[in-house]
Protein backbone atom coordinates (compact mmCIF):
# COMPACT_ATOMS: atom_id res chain seq x y z
CA MET A 1 15.99 -7.78 25.11
CA LEU A 2 14.09 -7.17 28.33
CA VAL A 3 15.99 -6.46 31.52
CA SER A 4 13.90 -8.17 34.21
CA PRO A 5 12.57 -11.53 33.12
CA VAL A 6 9.25 -12.72 34.49
CA SER A 7 8.31 -16.28 35.22
CA PRO A 8 6.11 -17.86 32.54
CA ALA A 9 3.30 -18.36 35.05
CA GLU A 10 3.29 -14.93 36.73
CA LEU A 11 -0.36 -13.98 37.25
CA CYS A 12 -1.40 -10.40 36.68
CA PRO A 13 -1.46 -8.59 40.05
CA LEU A 14 -4.39 -6.42 38.92
CA CYS A 15 -6.94 -8.91 37.55
CA SER A 16 -5.51 -12.32 38.61
CA GLN A 17 -6.88 -13.83 35.39
CA GLY A 18 -4.25 -12.98 32.79
CA PHE A 19 -0.51 -13.50 32.76
CA VAL A 20 2.25 -10.88 32.67
CA VAL A 21 3.84 -11.11 29.23
CA PRO A 22 6.65 -9.14 27.55
CA LYS A 23 5.62 -6.77 24.76
CA HIS A 24 7.36 -4.16 22.66
CA SER A 25 6.18 -0.76 21.47
CA ARG A 26 7.81 2.08 19.59
CA TYR A 27 8.80 3.46 23.01
CA GLY A 28 10.60 0.28 24.02
CA PRO A 29 9.92 -2.99 25.82
CA PHE A 30 7.39 -3.36 28.62
CA TYR A 31 5.29 -5.97 30.40
CA SER A 32 1.53 -6.14 30.10
CA CYS A 33 -1.38 -8.36 31.08
CA SER A 34 -2.32 -10.98 28.48
CA ALA A 35 -6.00 -10.14 29.15
CA PHE A 36 -5.66 -6.69 27.52
CA PRO A 37 -7.99 -4.81 26.76
CA ARG A 38 -10.11 -6.14 29.65
CA CYS A 39 -7.20 -5.51 32.01
CA THR A 40 -4.94 -2.48 31.67
CA TYR A 41 -2.02 -3.59 33.88
CA LYS A 42 1.42 -2.65 32.54
CA ARG A 43 4.88 -1.96 33.86
CA GLY A 44 8.11 -0.80 32.32
CA SER A 45 11.05 -3.08 31.71
CA GLY A 46 13.58 -0.74 33.26
CA GLN A 47 15.13 0.01 29.89
CA ARG A 48 15.01 3.40 28.25
CA ARG A 49 15.00 3.82 24.52
CA THR A 50 17.77 6.00 23.17
CA ARG A 51 17.52 8.11 20.07
CA SER A 52 19.59 7.07 17.10
């Protein structure tokens, strides 16, 4: 679960064409532009992954 929710219509602050969407990688959750790979905007979710 992501810590800071974003509004469904939040435009990307870098390209203003895509939307900021939640994504998940092996390093944990983050937010990224839906226009990837044309736009490389991303930000962390504020969560840190802990080792099991």
